[in-house]
Amino acid sequence: MSYICPLCNGLVVPEQACPHCLQGLSECGKLNDYTGPYSPYATSITSSTSDEEGSSCIHLMYCHHCQTGTLQPVAMWDMSGNL
């Protein structure tokens, strides 16, 4: 099966509100882009999540108003047979 992240591929626009101040969050990319596959700071969530599993892609969201970051799991879309 082939899974893609709709946020990574620009198929959806993130419109989440900050859990602290309710202002709009900016999407800053995949968490894996910051940690990398061999990072000592990688969590068990990122190391167990991959495109082949089809579960979720973890993205870093940032609030410019209160200067806080949060992790947002994005459900992967199954693209097998839709190409």
N, C-alpha and C. Protein backbone atom coordinates (compact mmCIF):
# COMPACT_ATOMS: atom_id res chain seq x y z
N MET A 1 0.83 -1.18 0.00
CA MET A 1 0.00 0.00 0.00
C MET A 1 0.88 1.25 0.00
N SER A 2 0.36 2.28 -0.61
CA SER A 2 1.10 3.54 -0.70
C SER A 2 0.37 4.61 0.10
N TYR A 3 1.08 5.19 1.06
CA TYR A 3 0.50 6.23 1.90
C TYR A 3 1.24 7.54 1.70
N ILE A 4 0.51 8.64 1.73
CA ILE A 4 1.13 9.96 1.65
C ILE A 4 0.57 10.85 2.75
N CYS A 5 1.36 11.83 3.14
CA CYS A 5 0.89 12.82 4.10
C CYS A 5 0.26 13.97 3.32
N PRO A 6 -1.01 14.28 3.56
CA PRO A 6 -1.64 15.37 2.81
C PRO A 6 -1.04 16.74 3.12
N LEU A 7 -0.50 16.93 4.30
CA LEU A 7 0.10 18.20 4.66
C LEU A 7 1.47 18.37 4.00
N CYS A 8 2.28 17.32 3.97
CA CYS A 8 3.58 17.36 3.31
C CYS A 8 3.44 17.62 1.81
N ASN A 9 2.38 17.10 1.22
CA ASN A 9 2.17 17.21 -0.22
C ASN A 9 1.31 18.39 -0.62
N GLY A 10 0.95 19.26 0.32
CA GLY A 10 0.19 20.46 0.01
C GLY A 10 -1.25 20.21 -0.38
N LEU A 11 -1.83 19.09 0.03
CA LEU A 11 -3.21 18.77 -0.32
C LEU A 11 -4.22 19.36 0.65
N VAL A 12 -3.78 19.73 1.84
CA VAL A 12 -4.63 20.38 2.84
C VAL A 12 -3.88 21.58 3.41
N VAL A 13 -4.64 22.53 3.91
CA VAL A 13 -4.07 23.72 4.54
C VAL A 13 -4.30 23.60 6.04
N PRO A 14 -3.23 23.70 6.85
CA PRO A 14 -3.43 23.58 8.30
C PRO A 14 -4.14 24.81 8.85
N GLU A 15 -5.19 24.58 9.62
CA GLU A 15 -5.96 25.67 10.21
C GLU A 15 -6.23 25.39 11.68
N GLN A 16 -5.20 24.96 12.40
CA GLN A 16 -5.35 24.68 13.82
C GLN A 16 -5.11 25.95 14.62
N ALA A 17 -5.77 26.01 15.78
CA ALA A 17 -5.58 27.12 16.71
C ALA A 17 -4.62 26.68 17.82
N CYS A 18 -3.88 27.64 18.33
CA CYS A 18 -2.95 27.37 19.43
C CYS A 18 -3.74 26.94 20.66
N PRO A 19 -3.32 25.87 21.33
CA PRO A 19 -4.04 25.43 22.53
C PRO A 19 -3.89 26.40 23.71
N HIS A 20 -2.91 27.31 23.65
CA HIS A 20 -2.67 28.24 24.75
C HIS A 20 -3.39 29.58 24.57
N CYS A 21 -3.29 30.16 23.36
CA CYS A 21 -3.84 31.50 23.16
C CYS A 21 -4.91 31.56 22.07
N LEU A 22 -5.18 30.45 21.40
CA LEU A 22 -6.20 30.32 20.35
C LEU A 22 -5.91 31.13 19.10
N GLN A 23 -4.67 31.58 18.91
CA GLN A 23 -4.26 32.23 17.66
C GLN A 23 -3.91 31.15 16.65
N GLY A 24 -3.76 31.52 15.39
CA GLY A 24 -3.44 30.57 14.34
C GLY A 24 -2.02 30.03 14.47
N LEU A 25 -1.86 28.75 14.16
CA LEU A 25 -0.55 28.10 14.20
C LEU A 25 0.06 28.09 12.81
N SER A 26 1.37 28.19 12.74
CA SER A 26 2.12 28.06 11.49
C SER A 26 2.69 26.66 11.42
N GLU A 27 2.61 26.05 10.25
CA GLU A 27 3.15 24.72 10.05
C GLU A 27 4.62 24.88 9.70
N CYS A 28 5.49 24.17 10.42
CA CYS A 28 6.95 24.31 10.26
C CYS A 28 7.60 23.07 9.66
N GLY A 29 6.83 22.12 9.18
CA GLY A 29 7.39 20.93 8.55
C GLY A 29 7.32 19.70 9.43
N LYS A 30 7.81 18.61 8.87
CA LYS A 30 7.81 17.33 9.59
C LYS A 30 8.83 17.37 10.72
N LEU A 31 8.48 16.73 11.81
CA LEU A 31 9.40 16.62 12.93
C LEU A 31 10.65 15.86 12.53
N ASN A 32 10.50 14.87 11.66
CA ASN A 32 11.63 14.08 11.20
C ASN A 32 12.64 14.92 10.43
N ASP A 33 12.21 16.03 9.82
CA ASP A 33 13.14 16.92 9.13
C ASP A 33 14.06 17.62 10.12
N TYR A 34 13.60 17.82 11.34
CA TYR A 34 14.41 18.47 12.37
C TYR A 34 15.29 17.48 13.12
N THR A 35 14.77 16.29 13.35
CA THR A 35 15.52 15.32 14.14
C THR A 35 16.37 14.41 13.27
N GLY A 36 15.89 14.02 12.11
CA GLY A 36 16.63 13.14 11.23
C GLY A 36 16.53 11.70 11.68
N PRO A 37 16.87 10.78 10.80
CA PRO A 37 16.71 9.35 11.13
C PRO A 37 17.71 8.83 12.16
N TYR A 38 18.83 9.51 12.37
CA TYR A 38 19.84 9.02 13.30
C TYR A 38 20.01 9.93 14.51
N SER A 39 19.03 10.76 14.76
CA SER A 39 19.13 11.72 15.85
C SER A 39 18.99 11.04 17.20
N PRO A 40 19.81 11.43 18.18
CA PRO A 40 19.66 10.87 19.53
C PRO A 40 18.43 11.42 20.24
N TYR A 41 17.81 12.46 19.65
CA TYR A 41 16.65 13.08 20.27
C TYR A 41 15.34 12.54 19.72
N ALA A 42 15.38 11.60 18.82
CA ALA A 42 14.17 11.05 18.23
C ALA A 42 13.35 10.33 19.28
N THR A 43 12.04 10.58 19.27
CA THR A 43 11.15 9.93 20.22
C THR A 43 10.66 8.60 19.66
N SER A 44 10.02 7.83 20.51
CA SER A 44 9.50 6.55 20.04
C SER A 44 8.38 6.74 19.04
N ILE A 45 7.67 7.87 19.09
CA ILE A 45 6.60 8.14 18.14
C ILE A 45 7.17 8.30 16.74
N THR A 46 8.23 9.11 16.59
CA THR A 46 8.78 9.35 15.27
C THR A 46 9.54 8.13 14.75
N SER A 47 10.15 7.37 15.62
CA SER A 47 10.91 6.23 15.13
C SER A 47 10.00 5.08 14.73
N SER A 48 8.81 5.00 15.29
CA SER A 48 7.91 3.91 14.93
C SER A 48 6.95 4.31 13.83
N THR A 49 6.92 5.57 13.43
CA THR A 49 6.00 6.03 12.40
C THR A 49 6.75 6.20 11.09
N SER A 50 6.26 5.56 10.06
CA SER A 50 6.87 5.70 8.75
C SER A 50 5.79 5.72 7.69
N ASP A 51 6.17 6.09 6.48
CA ASP A 51 5.20 6.17 5.39
C ASP A 51 4.58 4.81 5.08
N GLU A 52 5.35 3.74 5.27
CA GLU A 52 4.83 2.41 4.95
C GLU A 52 3.75 1.96 5.93
N GLU A 53 3.79 2.42 7.16
CA GLU A 53 2.81 2.01 8.14
C GLU A 53 1.47 2.66 7.91
N GLY A 54 1.45 3.87 7.37
CA GLY A 54 0.20 4.53 7.06
C GLY A 54 -0.52 5.07 8.28
N SER A 55 0.14 5.28 9.38
CA SER A 55 -0.56 5.75 10.58
C SER A 55 -0.63 7.27 10.61
N SER A 56 0.47 7.94 10.86
CA SER A 56 0.45 9.40 10.90
C SER A 56 1.83 9.97 10.64
N CYS A 57 1.85 11.24 10.27
CA CYS A 57 3.07 11.99 10.03
C CYS A 57 3.06 13.13 11.06
N ILE A 58 4.10 13.22 11.88
CA ILE A 58 4.14 14.21 12.95
C ILE A 58 4.72 15.52 12.42
N HIS A 59 3.96 16.60 12.56
CA HIS A 59 4.38 17.93 12.10
C HIS A 59 4.57 18.86 13.28
N LEU A 60 5.52 19.77 13.14
CA LEU A 60 5.77 20.79 14.15
C LEU A 60 4.94 22.02 13.80
N MET A 61 4.12 22.47 14.76
CA MET A 61 3.30 23.66 14.59
C MET A 61 3.80 24.71 15.57
N TYR A 62 3.86 25.97 15.13
CA TYR A 62 4.42 27.04 15.96
C TYR A 62 3.47 28.22 16.04
N CYS A 63 3.30 28.76 17.25
CA CYS A 63 2.47 29.95 17.46
C CYS A 63 3.40 31.15 17.61
N HIS A 64 3.27 32.12 16.69
CA HIS A 64 4.11 33.32 16.75
C HIS A 64 3.64 34.28 17.84
N HIS A 65 2.38 34.15 18.25
CA HIS A 65 1.83 35.06 19.26
C HIS A 65 2.39 34.75 20.65
N CYS A 66 2.29 33.49 21.09
CA CYS A 66 2.79 33.13 22.43
C CYS A 66 4.12 32.38 22.37
N GLN A 67 4.67 32.20 21.17
CA GLN A 67 5.97 31.59 20.94
C GLN A 67 6.09 30.19 21.54
N THR A 68 5.10 29.38 21.27
CA THR A 68 5.13 27.99 21.72
C THR A 68 5.01 27.06 20.50
N GLY A 69 5.58 25.89 20.64
CA GLY A 69 5.51 24.88 19.60
C GLY A 69 4.72 23.69 20.09
N THR A 70 4.07 23.01 19.17
CA THR A 70 3.30 21.82 19.50
C THR A 70 3.44 20.82 18.37
N LEU A 71 3.29 19.55 18.69
CA LEU A 71 3.35 18.50 17.68
C LEU A 71 1.95 18.13 17.25
N GLN A 72 1.75 17.99 15.95
CA GLN A 72 0.43 17.68 15.40
C GLN A 72 0.53 16.42 14.54
N PRO A 73 -0.10 15.31 14.95
CA PRO A 73 -0.11 14.13 14.08
C PRO A 73 -1.11 14.34 12.94
N VAL A 74 -0.68 14.02 11.73
CA VAL A 74 -1.53 14.15 10.55
C VAL A 74 -1.76 12.75 10.00
N ALA A 75 -3.04 12.37 9.85
CA ALA A 75 -3.38 11.04 9.37
C ALA A 75 -2.94 10.91 7.90
N MET A 76 -2.30 9.78 7.60
CA MET A 76 -1.83 9.50 6.25
C MET A 76 -3.01 9.06 5.38
N TRP A 77 -2.94 9.39 4.09
CA TRP A 77 -3.96 8.98 3.13
C TRP A 77 -3.46 7.76 2.35
N ASP A 78 -4.34 6.79 2.19
CA ASP A 78 -4.03 5.60 1.42
C ASP A 78 -4.24 5.91 -0.06
N MET A 79 -3.16 5.86 -0.82
CA MET A 79 -3.23 6.18 -2.25
C MET A 79 -3.10 4.96 -3.14
N SER A 80 -3.16 3.77 -2.59
CA SER A 80 -3.03 2.56 -3.42
C SER A 80 -4.28 2.43 -4.30
N GLY A 81 -4.05 2.28 -5.57
CA GLY A 81 -5.15 2.12 -6.53
C GLY A 81 -5.73 3.44 -7.00
N ASN A 82 -5.28 4.57 -6.47
CA ASN A 82 -5.82 5.87 -6.86
C ASN A 82 -4.91 6.61 -7.84
N LEU A 83 -3.83 5.99 -8.27
CA LEU A 83 -2.89 6.69 -9.13
C LEU A 83 -3.28 6.61 -10.56
